[in-house]
Amino acid sequence: LLGSSLSLFPLAALFRVSCSQAALEADDMAKKVKKGGKKGGEDNDSLVKKASKRKKSLVEKIDGPSAADKLLPKTLEERMAAKRVVVVLEKCPLECVTPRKGAIELLNSDDHKGICAKNGRDLADVRPDIVHQCLMALLDSPLNKAGRLLIYLHTSNNVLIEVHPSLRVPRTFKRFAGLVVELLQRQKIRAAGANETLMKVVSNPVEKYLPPGSRRFGMSVNGKQVKMRDFADDLEKDTLESSPVPVVFSVGGVAHGDPVSEANFGANYVEENISICPFGLSAACVCSKVCNEFEYLWGIC
């Protein structure tokens, strides 16, 4: 009996070792499965994110990008180079107000006369319709449709807004006001059915978005008197001698005053103020004149 019991001890020890090894292997297998499942989940999440970024409309899938979309600058290098006009609308009166509980509207001189009178605001200083007119003139121009125009809005509250060239501005002011209120609340406006940001709030100052080496001019009644066509032609001759650089124009998006000469606005980056007409012109008219002359100069239309 003693001999038989002694011979069983090695078998019992061997059985315990094999069981412990099997348990360790099972634990390792469970960890690998758990780790693999987590990794697979992360891969699926990343694939979903990539797929959402590549989301395209049915028209884009069938027809591909339009001719106008191909002309739009896609990268920062494209925006900073080549023949391009950059328009900065300075001191735009775009701010939200709460006329009643639960309502947020765009402050304007037509609907909020009582609020302006109560706060001592001049009605001429709350004219967001001027910005609406300027955007329609700029975005509807052939210069913009040819992919040669960039637009920035610098509000009176020091909020900087970047406008995508493919944005179609609402035709009525009421719809435009709703769009601006949504933009100021959410910080961006995305296109419906496409992964594209049409308007977004960006960090100040505007100078870091202007192409380096570009010529920067302010449109002011008190500036140097020039003929816009001759002025644009002279700029083109200067750029022919060197590499082509964009031209920046600062325009006051206000009813009166000269924001391009103020310290917190256009005066920070404008190298020279020019006047294209001896009479006072509206901001929308100035924007149209700038677009028309460069369209003629570059043979767009």
C-alpha atoms as a PDB file:
ATOM      1  CA  LEU A   1       0.000   0.000   0.000  1.00  0.00           C
ATOM      2  CA  LEU A   2       2.797   2.378   0.828  1.00  0.00           C
ATOM      3  CA  GLY A   3       4.462   1.767  -2.521  1.00  0.00           C
ATOM      4  CA  SER A   4       1.262   2.281  -4.415  1.00  0.00           C
ATOM      5  CA  SER A   5       0.568   5.556  -2.570  1.00  0.00           C
ATOM      6  CA  LEU A   6       4.063   6.822  -3.308  1.00  0.00           C
ATOM      7  CA  SER A   7       3.611   6.081  -6.998  1.00  0.00           C
ATOM      8  CA  LEU A   8       0.400   8.124  -7.082  1.00  0.00           C
ATOM      9  CA  PHE A   9       2.101  11.336  -5.839  1.00  0.00           C
ATOM     10  CA  PRO A  10       3.867  12.109  -9.183  1.00  0.00           C
ATOM     11  CA  LEU A  11       0.642  11.526 -11.082  1.00  0.00           C
ATOM     12  CA  ALA A  12      -1.271  13.930  -8.830  1.00  0.00           C
ATOM     13  CA  ALA A  13       1.428  16.573  -9.149  1.00  0.00           C
ATOM     14  CA  LEU A  14       1.451  16.158 -12.939  1.00  0.00           C
ATOM     15  CA  PHE A  15      -2.345  16.519 -13.007  1.00  0.00           C
ATOM     16  CA  ARG A  16      -2.188  19.753 -10.989  1.00  0.00           C
ATOM     17  CA  VAL A  17       0.476  21.255 -13.296  1.00  0.00           C
ATOM     18  CA  SER A  18      -1.502  20.393 -16.412  1.00  0.00           C
ATOM     19  CA  CYS A  19      -4.675  21.898 -14.919  1.00  0.00           C
ATOM     20  CA  SER A  20      -2.871  25.109 -13.963  1.00  0.00           C
ATOM     21  CA  GLN A  21      -1.350  25.398 -17.450  1.00  0.00           C
ATOM     22  CA  ALA A  22      -4.766  24.872 -19.035  1.00  0.00           C
ATOM     23  CA  ALA A  23      -6.243  27.564 -16.785  1.00  0.00           C
ATOM     24  CA  LEU A  24      -3.461  30.011 -17.725  1.00  0.00           C
ATOM     25  CA  GLU A  25      -3.936  29.296 -21.417  1.00  0.00           C
ATOM     26  CA  ALA A  26      -7.689  29.821 -21.057  1.00  0.00           C
ATOM     27  CA  ASP A  27      -7.094  33.161 -19.320  1.00  0.00           C
ATOM     28  CA  ASP A  28      -4.675  34.269 -22.057  1.00  0.00           C
ATOM     29  CA  MET A  29      -7.167  33.246 -24.740  1.00  0.00           C
ATOM     30  CA  ALA A  30      -9.946  35.217 -23.022  1.00  0.00           C
ATOM     31  CA  LYS A  31      -7.718  38.304 -22.798  1.00  0.00           C
ATOM     32  CA  LYS A  32      -6.814  38.045 -26.466  1.00  0.00           C
ATOM     33  CA  VAL A  33     -10.446  37.670 -27.472  1.00  0.00           C
ATOM     34  CA  LYS A  34     -11.436  40.635 -25.332  1.00  0.00           C
ATOM     35  CA  LYS A  35      -8.576  42.719 -26.700  1.00  0.00           C
ATOM     36  CA  GLY A  36      -9.359  41.687 -30.254  1.00  0.00           C
ATOM     37  CA  GLY A  37     -13.026  42.558 -29.819  1.00  0.00           C
ATOM     38  CA  LYS A  38     -12.117  46.007 -28.485  1.00  0.00           C
ATOM     39  CA  LYS A  39      -9.696  46.594 -31.319  1.00  0.00           C
ATOM     40  CA  GLY A  40     -12.304  45.516 -33.824  1.00  0.00           C
ATOM     41  CA  GLY A  41     -14.770  47.966 -32.291  1.00  0.00           C
ATOM     42  CA  GLU A  42     -12.243  50.788 -32.603  1.00  0.00           C
ATOM     43  CA  ASP A  43     -11.652  49.861 -36.248  1.00  0.00           C
ATOM     44  CA  ASN A  44     -15.385  49.912 -36.926  1.00  0.00           C
ATOM     45  CA  ASP A  45     -15.718  53.344 -35.288  1.00  0.00           C
ATOM     46  CA  SER A  46     -12.850  54.721 -37.347  1.00  0.00           C
ATOM     47  CA  LEU A  47     -14.355  53.285 -40.522  1.00  0.00           C
ATOM     48  CA  VAL A  48     -17.702  54.884 -39.730  1.00  0.00           C
ATOM     49  CA  LYS A  49     -16.018  58.246 -39.185  1.00  0.00           C
ATOM     50  CA  LYS A  50     -14.114  57.961 -42.452  1.00  0.00           C
ATOM     51  CA  ALA A  51     -17.269  56.951 -44.287  1.00  0.00           C
ATOM     52  CA  SER A  52     -19.152  59.933 -42.893  1.00  0.00           C
ATOM     53  CA  LYS A  53     -16.363  62.231 -44.073  1.00  0.00           C
ATOM     54  CA  ARG A  54     -16.618  60.758 -47.550  1.00  0.00           C
ATOM     55  CA  LYS A  55     -20.392  61.120 -47.632  1.00  0.00           C
ATOM     56  CA  LYS A  56     -21.618  62.432 -50.977  1.00  0.00           C
ATOM     57  CA  SER A  57     -24.964  63.267 -52.410  1.00  0.00           C
ATOM     58  CA  LEU A  58     -26.603  61.127 -55.092  1.00  0.00           C
ATOM     59  CA  VAL A  59     -25.921  63.770 -57.735  1.00  0.00           C
ATOM     60  CA  GLU A  60     -22.224  63.816 -56.842  1.00  0.00           C
ATOM     61  CA  LYS A  61     -22.058  60.036 -57.000  1.00  0.00           C
ATOM     62  CA  ILE A  62     -23.597  59.983 -60.490  1.00  0.00           C
ATOM     63  CA  ASP A  63     -22.219  63.147 -62.099  1.00  0.00           C
ATOM     64  CA  GLY A  64     -19.100  63.738 -60.000  1.00  0.00           C
ATOM     65  CA  PRO A  65     -17.925  67.213 -58.952  1.00  0.00           C
ATOM     66  CA  SER A  66     -19.271  70.084 -61.028  1.00  0.00           C
ATOM     67  CA  ALA A  67     -17.081  72.408 -63.069  1.00  0.00           C
ATOM     68  CA  ALA A  68     -17.507  75.134 -60.452  1.00  0.00           C
ATOM     69  CA  ASP A  69     -16.504  72.789 -57.606  1.00  0.00           C
ATOM     70  CA  LYS A  70     -13.294  71.892 -59.436  1.00  0.00           C
ATOM     71  CA  LEU A  71     -12.319  75.581 -59.512  1.00  0.00           C
ATOM     72  CA  LEU A  72     -12.769  76.101 -55.766  1.00  0.00           C
ATOM     73  CA  PRO A  73      -9.568  76.125 -53.680  1.00  0.00           C
ATOM     74  CA  LYS A  74      -9.342  72.884 -51.710  1.00  0.00           C
ATOM     75  CA  THR A  75      -6.082  73.259 -49.793  1.00  0.00           C
ATOM     76  CA  LEU A  76      -4.413  76.079 -47.898  1.00  0.00           C
ATOM     77  CA  GLU A  77      -1.690  76.317 -50.547  1.00  0.00           C
ATOM     78  CA  GLU A  78      -4.298  76.872 -53.260  1.00  0.00           C
ATOM     79  CA  ARG A  79      -5.971  79.587 -51.220  1.00  0.00           C
ATOM     80  CA  MET A  80      -2.707  81.358 -50.534  1.00  0.00           C
ATOM     81  CA  ALA A  81      -1.447  81.402 -54.120  1.00  0.00           C
ATOM     82  CA  ALA A  82      -2.503  82.189 -57.690  1.00  0.00           C
ATOM     83  CA  LYS A  83      -4.702  85.015 -58.918  1.00  0.00           C
ATOM     84  CA  ARG A  84      -7.335  85.565 -56.279  1.00  0.00           C
ATOM     85  CA  VAL A  85      -9.260  88.385 -54.640  1.00  0.00           C
ATOM     86  CA  VAL A  86      -9.867  88.366 -50.888  1.00  0.00           C
ATOM     87  CA  VAL A  87     -12.643  90.629 -49.576  1.00  0.00           C
ATOM     88  CA  VAL A  88     -12.894  91.386 -45.856  1.00  0.00           C
ATOM     89  CA  LEU A  89     -16.125  93.067 -44.738  1.00  0.00           C
ATOM     90  CA  GLU A  90     -15.187  95.046 -41.637  1.00  0.00           C
ATOM     91  CA  LYS A  91     -17.332  95.997 -38.631  1.00  0.00           C
ATOM     92  CA  CYS A  92     -20.339  93.998 -39.788  1.00  0.00           C
ATOM     93  CA  PRO A  93     -23.322  94.662 -37.471  1.00  0.00           C
ATOM     94  CA  LEU A  94     -24.126  91.006 -36.754  1.00  0.00           C
ATOM     95  CA  GLU A  95     -25.259  90.369 -33.180  1.00  0.00           C
ATOM     96  CA  CYS A  96     -28.067  88.446 -31.512  1.00  0.00           C
ATOM     97  CA  VAL A  97     -30.752  89.911 -29.260  1.00  0.00           C
ATOM     98  CA  THR A  98     -33.532  88.443 -27.086  1.00  0.00           C
ATOM     99  CA  PRO A  99     -36.650  90.575 -27.646  1.00  0.00           C
ATOM    100  CA  ARG A 100     -38.790  88.221 -25.560  1.00  0.00           C
ATOM    101  CA  LYS A 101     -38.359  85.109 -23.480  1.00  0.00           C
ATOM    102  CA  GLY A 102     -37.230  82.114 -25.501  1.00  0.00           C
ATOM    103  CA  ALA A 103     -36.676  84.069 -28.735  1.00  0.00           C
ATOM    104  CA  ILE A 104     -33.292  84.893 -30.292  1.00  0.00           C
ATOM    105  CA  GLU A 105     -33.186  87.214 -33.299  1.00  0.00           C
ATOM    106  CA  LEU A 106     -30.657  89.151 -35.337  1.00  0.00           C
ATOM    107  CA  LEU A 107     -30.564  92.755 -34.131  1.00  0.00           C
ATOM    108  CA  ASN A 108     -31.752  95.113 -36.886  1.00  0.00           C
ATOM    109  CA  SER A 109     -33.153  98.617 -37.197  1.00  0.00           C
ATOM    110  CA  ASP A 110     -36.581  97.539 -38.473  1.00  0.00           C
ATOM    111  CA  ASP A 111     -37.676  95.026 -35.851  1.00  0.00           C
ATOM    112  CA  HIS A 112     -35.874  96.299 -32.742  1.00  0.00           C
ATOM    113  CA  LYS A 113     -36.299 100.067 -32.646  1.00  0.00           C
ATOM    114  CA  GLY A 114     -37.464  99.940 -29.025  1.00  0.00           C
ATOM    115  CA  ILE A 115     -34.436  97.925 -27.903  1.00  0.00           C
ATOM    116  CA  CYS A 116     -32.071 100.297 -29.718  1.00  0.00           C
ATOM    117  CA  ALA A 117     -33.736 103.358 -28.158  1.00  0.00           C
ATOM    118  CA  LYS A 118     -33.615 101.785 -24.702  1.00  0.00           C
ATOM    119  CA  ASN A 119     -29.880 101.052 -24.994  1.00  0.00           C
ATOM    120  CA  GLY A 120     -28.982 104.304 -26.761  1.00  0.00           C
ATOM    121  CA  ARG A 121     -28.010 102.598 -30.009  1.00  0.00           C
ATOM    122  CA  ASP A 122     -28.080 104.476 -33.293  1.00  0.00           C
ATOM    123  CA  LEU A 123     -30.357 102.772 -35.816  1.00  0.00           C
ATOM    124  CA  ALA A 124     -27.727 103.315 -38.511  1.00  0.00           C
ATOM    125  CA  ASP A 125     -25.323 101.098 -36.552  1.00  0.00           C
ATOM    126  CA  VAL A 126     -27.613  98.044 -36.659  1.00  0.00           C
ATOM    127  CA  ARG A 127     -27.956  97.420 -40.392  1.00  0.00           C
ATOM    128  CA  PRO A 128     -27.217  93.720 -41.035  1.00  0.00           C
ATOM    129  CA  ASP A 129     -29.093  94.073 -44.339  1.00  0.00           C
ATOM    130  CA  ILE A 130     -25.957  95.771 -45.684  1.00  0.00           C
ATOM    131  CA  VAL A 131     -23.979  92.569 -45.076  1.00  0.00           C
ATOM    132  CA  HIS A 132     -26.764  90.605 -46.778  1.00  0.00           C
ATOM    133  CA  GLN A 133     -26.544  92.824 -49.869  1.00  0.00           C
ATOM    134  CA  CYS A 134     -22.743  92.553 -49.976  1.00  0.00           C
ATOM    135  CA  LEU A 135     -22.786  88.772 -49.731  1.00  0.00           C
ATOM    136  CA  MET A 136     -25.311  88.475 -52.549  1.00  0.00           C
ATOM    137  CA  ALA A 137     -23.188  90.772 -54.740  1.00  0.00           C
ATOM    138  CA  LEU A 138     -19.997  88.826 -53.989  1.00  0.00           C
ATOM    139  CA  LEU A 139     -21.225  85.224 -54.022  1.00  0.00           C
ATOM    140  CA  ASP A 140     -23.386  85.690 -57.131  1.00  0.00           C
ATOM    141  CA  SER A 141     -20.509  87.219 -59.096  1.00  0.00           C
ATOM    142  CA  PRO A 142     -18.764  85.330 -61.929  1.00  0.00           C
ATOM    143  CA  LEU A 143     -15.501  85.992 -60.079  1.00  0.00           C
ATOM    144  CA  ASN A 144     -16.696  83.799 -57.214  1.00  0.00           C
ATOM    145  CA  LYS A 145     -18.167  81.136 -59.512  1.00  0.00           C
ATOM    146  CA  ALA A 146     -14.767  80.917 -61.209  1.00  0.00           C
ATOM    147  CA  GLY A 147     -13.145  80.123 -57.853  1.00  0.00           C
ATOM    148  CA  ARG A 148     -11.205  83.404 -57.630  1.00  0.00           C
ATOM    149  CA  LEU A 149     -12.835  84.971 -54.550  1.00  0.00           C
ATOM    150  CA  LEU A 150     -12.502  84.482 -50.783  1.00  0.00           C
ATOM    151  CA  ILE A 151     -14.704  86.261 -48.224  1.00  0.00           C
ATOM    152  CA  TYR A 152     -14.310  87.030 -44.521  1.00  0.00           C
ATOM    153  CA  LEU A 153     -16.710  88.858 -42.211  1.00  0.00           C
ATOM    154  CA  HIS A 154     -15.334  90.762 -39.222  1.00  0.00           C
ATOM    155  CA  THR A 155     -18.194  91.832 -36.948  1.00  0.00           C
ATOM    156  CA  SER A 156     -18.394  94.843 -34.649  1.00  0.00           C
ATOM    157  CA  ASN A 157     -18.129  92.422 -31.687  1.00  0.00           C
ATOM    158  CA  ASN A 158     -14.771  91.135 -32.997  1.00  0.00           C
ATOM    159  CA  VAL A 159     -16.140  87.831 -34.304  1.00  0.00           C
ATOM    160  CA  LEU A 160     -14.423  86.567 -37.449  1.00  0.00           C
ATOM    161  CA  ILE A 161     -16.457  84.500 -39.929  1.00  0.00           C
ATOM    162  CA  GLU A 162     -15.143  82.566 -42.930  1.00  0.00           C
ATOM    163  CA  VAL A 163     -17.544  82.180 -45.872  1.00  0.00           C
ATOM    164  CA  HIS A 164     -17.213  79.243 -48.260  1.00  0.00           C
ATOM    165  CA  PRO A 165     -17.432  80.175 -51.964  1.00  0.00           C
ATOM    166  CA  SER A 166     -20.163  77.577 -52.586  1.00  0.00           C
ATOM    167  CA  LEU A 167     -22.588  79.197 -50.130  1.00  0.00           C
ATOM    168  CA  ARG A 168     -25.876  80.315 -51.665  1.00  0.00           C
ATOM    169  CA  VAL A 169     -27.116  83.268 -49.630  1.00  0.00           C
ATOM    170  CA  PRO A 170     -30.854  83.270 -48.811  1.00  0.00           C
ATOM    171  CA  ARG A 171     -32.674  85.705 -51.070  1.00  0.00           C
ATOM    172  CA  THR A 172     -34.782  87.262 -48.311  1.00  0.00           C
ATOM    173  CA  PHE A 173     -33.412  89.091 -45.287  1.00  0.00           C
ATOM    174  CA  LYS A 174     -35.604  87.145 -42.865  1.00  0.00           C
ATOM    175  CA  ARG A 175     -34.050  83.835 -43.916  1.00  0.00           C
ATOM    176  CA  PHE A 176     -30.586  85.398 -43.873  1.00  0.00           C
ATOM    177  CA  ALA A 177     -31.160  86.609 -40.309  1.00  0.00           C
ATOM    178  CA  GLY A 178     -32.116  83.104 -39.225  1.00  0.00           C
ATOM    179  CA  LEU A 179     -28.962  81.736 -40.866  1.00  0.00           C
ATOM    180  CA  VAL A 180     -26.729  84.222 -39.023  1.00  0.00           C
ATOM    181  CA  VAL A 181     -28.387  83.523 -35.664  1.00  0.00           C
ATOM    182  CA  GLU A 182     -27.777  79.798 -36.137  1.00  0.00           C
ATOM    183  CA  LEU A 183     -24.169  80.500 -37.123  1.00  0.00           C
ATOM    184  CA  LEU A 184     -23.457  82.652 -34.051  1.00  0.00           C
ATOM    185  CA  GLN A 185     -24.982  80.010 -31.778  1.00  0.00           C
ATOM    186  CA  ARG A 186     -23.466  76.855 -33.299  1.00  0.00           C
ATOM    187  CA  GLN A 187     -20.232  78.430 -34.597  1.00  0.00           C
ATOM    188  CA  LYS A 188     -20.691  76.787 -38.023  1.00  0.00           C
ATOM    189  CA  ILE A 189     -23.238  76.124 -40.780  1.00  0.00           C
ATOM    190  CA  ARG A 190     -23.021  72.813 -42.610  1.00  0.00           C
ATOM    191  CA  ALA A 191     -24.478  71.975 -46.000  1.00  0.00           C
ATOM    192  CA  ALA A 192     -27.553  69.756 -45.997  1.00  0.00           C
ATOM    193  CA  GLY A 193     -26.747  66.269 -47.292  1.00  0.00           C
ATOM    194  CA  ALA A 194     -23.020  66.925 -47.661  1.00  0.00           C
ATOM    195  CA  ASN A 195     -19.997  67.084 -45.387  1.00  0.00           C
ATOM    196  CA  GLU A 196     -19.118  70.695 -46.143  1.00  0.00           C
ATOM    197  CA  THR A 197     -18.955  73.733 -43.866  1.00  0.00           C
ATOM    198  CA  LEU A 198     -20.466  76.768 -45.591  1.00  0.00           C
ATOM    199  CA  MET A 199     -19.864  79.333 -42.837  1.00  0.00           C
ATOM    200  CA  LYS A 200     -17.840  79.054 -39.659  1.00  0.00           C
ATOM    201  CA  VAL A 201     -16.493  81.217 -36.868  1.00  0.00           C
ATOM    202  CA  VAL A 202     -12.679  81.240 -36.825  1.00  0.00           C
ATOM    203  CA  SER A 203     -10.171  82.668 -34.399  1.00  0.00           C
ATOM    204  CA  ASN A 204      -8.826  86.206 -34.689  1.00  0.00           C
ATOM    205  CA  PRO A 205      -6.947  88.021 -36.118  1.00  0.00           C
ATOM    206  CA  VAL A 206      -7.844  88.065 -39.788  1.00  0.00           C
ATOM    207  CA  GLU A 207      -4.228  88.688 -40.765  1.00  0.00           C
ATOM    208  CA  LYS A 208      -3.250  85.053 -40.281  1.00  0.00           C
ATOM    209  CA  TYR A 209      -5.769  84.002 -42.961  1.00  0.00           C
ATOM    210  CA  LEU A 210      -4.534  86.535 -45.515  1.00  0.00           C
ATOM    211  CA  PRO A 211      -2.001  85.241 -48.042  1.00  0.00           C
ATOM    212  CA  PRO A 212       1.584  86.216 -47.173  1.00  0.00           C
ATOM    213  CA  GLY A 213       3.018  88.797 -49.517  1.00  0.00           C
ATOM    214  CA  SER A 214      -0.419  89.881 -50.764  1.00  0.00           C
ATOM    215  CA  ARG A 215      -1.268  93.487 -51.536  1.00  0.00           C
ATOM    216  CA  ARG A 216      -3.806  94.853 -49.029  1.00  0.00           C
ATOM    217  CA  PHE A 217      -5.971  97.889 -49.701  1.00  0.00           C
ATOM    218  CA  GLY A 218      -8.768  99.617 -47.849  1.00  0.00           C
ATOM    219  CA  MET A 219     -11.767 101.065 -49.687  1.00  0.00           C
ATOM    220  CA  SER A 220     -12.381 104.512 -48.218  1.00  0.00           C
ATOM    221  CA  VAL A 221     -13.808 107.832 -49.394  1.00  0.00           C
ATOM    222  CA  ASN A 222     -10.836 109.543 -47.760  1.00  0.00           C
ATOM    223  CA  GLY A 223      -8.306 107.395 -49.588  1.00  0.00           C
ATOM    224  CA  LYS A 224      -6.206 108.032 -52.679  1.00  0.00           C
ATOM    225  CA  GLN A 225      -8.361 108.723 -55.730  1.00  0.00           C
ATOM    226  CA  VAL A 226      -7.912 106.028 -58.384  1.00  0.00           C
ATOM    227  CA  LYS A 227      -9.716 104.636 -61.408  1.00  0.00           C
ATOM    228  CA  MET A 228     -10.556 101.064 -60.502  1.00  0.00           C
ATOM    229  CA  ARG A 229      -9.814  99.669 -63.963  1.00  0.00           C
ATOM    230  CA  ASP A 230      -6.440 101.398 -64.197  1.00  0.00           C
ATOM    231  CA  PHE A 231      -5.632 100.446 -60.620  1.00  0.00           C
ATOM    232  CA  ALA A 232      -6.386  96.754 -61.257  1.00  0.00           C
ATOM    233  CA  ASP A 233      -4.356  96.851 -64.482  1.00  0.00           C
ATOM    234  CA  ASP A 234      -1.361  98.323 -62.649  1.00  0.00           C
ATOM    235  CA  LEU A 235      -1.599  95.595 -60.011  1.00  0.00           C
ATOM    236  CA  GLU A 236      -1.623  92.957 -62.754  1.00  0.00           C
ATOM    237  CA  LYS A 237       1.504  94.429 -64.358  1.00  0.00           C
ATOM    238  CA  ASP A 238       3.308  94.417 -61.013  1.00  0.00           C
ATOM    239  CA  THR A 239       2.444  90.782 -60.370  1.00  0.00           C
ATOM    240  CA  LEU A 240       3.556  89.724 -63.852  1.00  0.00           C
ATOM    241  CA  GLU A 241       7.116  90.692 -62.943  1.00  0.00           C
ATOM    242  CA  SER A 242       6.990  88.374 -59.925  1.00  0.00           C
ATOM    243  CA  SER A 243       4.892  85.373 -58.905  1.00  0.00           C
ATOM    244  CA  PRO A 244       1.130  86.099 -58.825  1.00  0.00           C
ATOM    245  CA  VAL A 245      -0.200  86.909 -55.354  1.00  0.00           C
ATOM    246  CA  PRO A 246      -3.782  87.512 -54.201  1.00  0.00           C
ATOM    247  CA  VAL A 247      -5.113  91.018 -53.637  1.00  0.00           C
ATOM    248  CA  VAL A 248      -6.950  91.876 -50.412  1.00  0.00           C
ATOM    249  CA  PHE A 249      -9.667  94.538 -50.226  1.00  0.00           C
ATOM    250  CA  SER A 250     -11.082  95.732 -46.924  1.00  0.00           C
ATOM    251  CA  VAL A 251     -14.623  97.115 -47.234  1.00  0.00           C
ATOM    252  CA  GLY A 252     -16.695  98.617 -44.437  1.00  0.00           C
ATOM    253  CA  GLY A 253     -19.960  96.711 -44.042  1.00  0.00           C
ATOM    254  CA  VAL A 254     -21.660  99.684 -42.394  1.00  0.00           C
ATOM    255  CA  ALA A 255     -24.075 102.492 -43.286  1.00  0.00           C
ATOM    256  CA  HIS A 256     -21.644 105.259 -42.312  1.00  0.00           C
ATOM    257  CA  GLY A 257     -18.130 105.675 -40.983  1.00  0.00           C
ATOM    258  CA  ASP A 258     -14.754 104.382 -42.108  1.00  0.00           C
ATOM    259  CA  PRO A 259     -13.958 101.031 -40.435  1.00  0.00           C
ATOM    260  CA  VAL A 260     -10.937 100.357 -42.674  1.00  0.00           C
ATOM    261  CA  SER A 261      -9.152 103.234 -40.921  1.00  0.00           C
ATOM    262  CA  GLU A 262     -10.035 102.148 -37.370  1.00  0.00           C
ATOM    263  CA  ALA A 263      -7.370 100.541 -35.190  1.00  0.00           C
ATOM    264  CA  ASN A 264      -9.261  97.380 -34.270  1.00  0.00           C
ATOM    265  CA  PHE A 265     -10.385  96.677 -37.821  1.00  0.00           C
ATOM    266  CA  GLY A 266      -8.849  97.396 -41.244  1.00  0.00           C
ATOM    267  CA  ALA A 267      -5.998  99.625 -40.043  1.00  0.00           C
ATOM    268  CA  ASN A 268      -4.204  96.580 -38.591  1.00  0.00           C
ATOM    269  CA  TYR A 269      -3.333  95.132 -41.999  1.00  0.00           C
ATOM    270  CA  VAL A 270      -4.206  97.669 -44.742  1.00  0.00           C
ATOM    271  CA  GLU A 271      -1.156  99.136 -46.453  1.00  0.00           C
ATOM    272  CA  GLU A 272      -2.990 101.891 -48.344  1.00  0.00           C
ATOM    273  CA  ASN A 273      -6.497 103.353 -48.534  1.00  0.00           C
ATOM    274  CA  ILE A 274      -7.951 104.042 -51.980  1.00  0.00           C
ATOM    275  CA  SER A 275     -11.127 105.693 -53.219  1.00  0.00           C
ATOM    276  CA  ILE A 276     -12.637 104.468 -56.488  1.00  0.00           C
ATOM    277  CA  CYS A 277     -15.289 107.200 -56.732  1.00  0.00           C
ATOM    278  CA  PRO A 278     -15.534 110.839 -55.559  1.00  0.00           C
ATOM    279  CA  PHE A 279     -19.042 110.077 -54.304  1.00  0.00           C
ATOM    280  CA  GLY A 280     -19.979 107.922 -51.373  1.00  0.00           C
ATOM    281  CA  LEU A 281     -20.893 104.416 -52.549  1.00  0.00           C
ATOM    282  CA  SER A 282     -22.726 101.678 -50.720  1.00  0.00           C
ATOM    283  CA  ALA A 283     -20.736  98.670 -49.578  1.00  0.00           C
ATOM    284  CA  ALA A 284     -22.568  96.392 -52.017  1.00  0.00           C
ATOM    285  CA  CYS A 285     -21.734  98.734 -54.906  1.00  0.00           C
ATOM    286  CA  VAL A 286     -18.044  98.744 -53.951  1.00  0.00           C
ATOM    287  CA  CYS A 287     -18.023  94.937 -53.854  1.00  0.00           C
ATOM    288  CA  SER A 288     -19.642  94.800 -57.300  1.00  0.00           C
ATOM    289  CA  LYS A 289     -17.104  97.249 -58.737  1.00  0.00           C
ATOM    290  CA  VAL A 290     -14.178  95.202 -57.428  1.00  0.00           C
ATOM    291  CA  CYS A 291     -15.588  91.965 -58.852  1.00  0.00           C
ATOM    292  CA  ASN A 292     -16.449  93.528 -62.221  1.00  0.00           C
ATOM    293  CA  GLU A 293     -12.980  94.953 -62.816  1.00  0.00           C
ATOM    294  CA  PHE A 294     -11.106  91.756 -61.999  1.00  0.00           C
ATOM    295  CA  GLU A 295     -13.557  89.696 -64.062  1.00  0.00           C
ATOM    296  CA  TYR A 296     -12.731  91.940 -67.017  1.00  0.00           C
ATOM    297  CA  LEU A 297      -9.011  91.916 -66.283  1.00  0.00           C
ATOM    298  CA  TRP A 298      -8.743  88.124 -66.009  1.00  0.00           C
ATOM    299  CA  GLY A 299     -11.097  87.458 -68.908  1.00  0.00           C
ATOM    300  CA  ILE A 300     -13.698  85.630 -66.857  1.00  0.00           C
ATOM    301  CA  CYS A 301     -16.636  87.315 -68.562  1.00  0.00           C
END
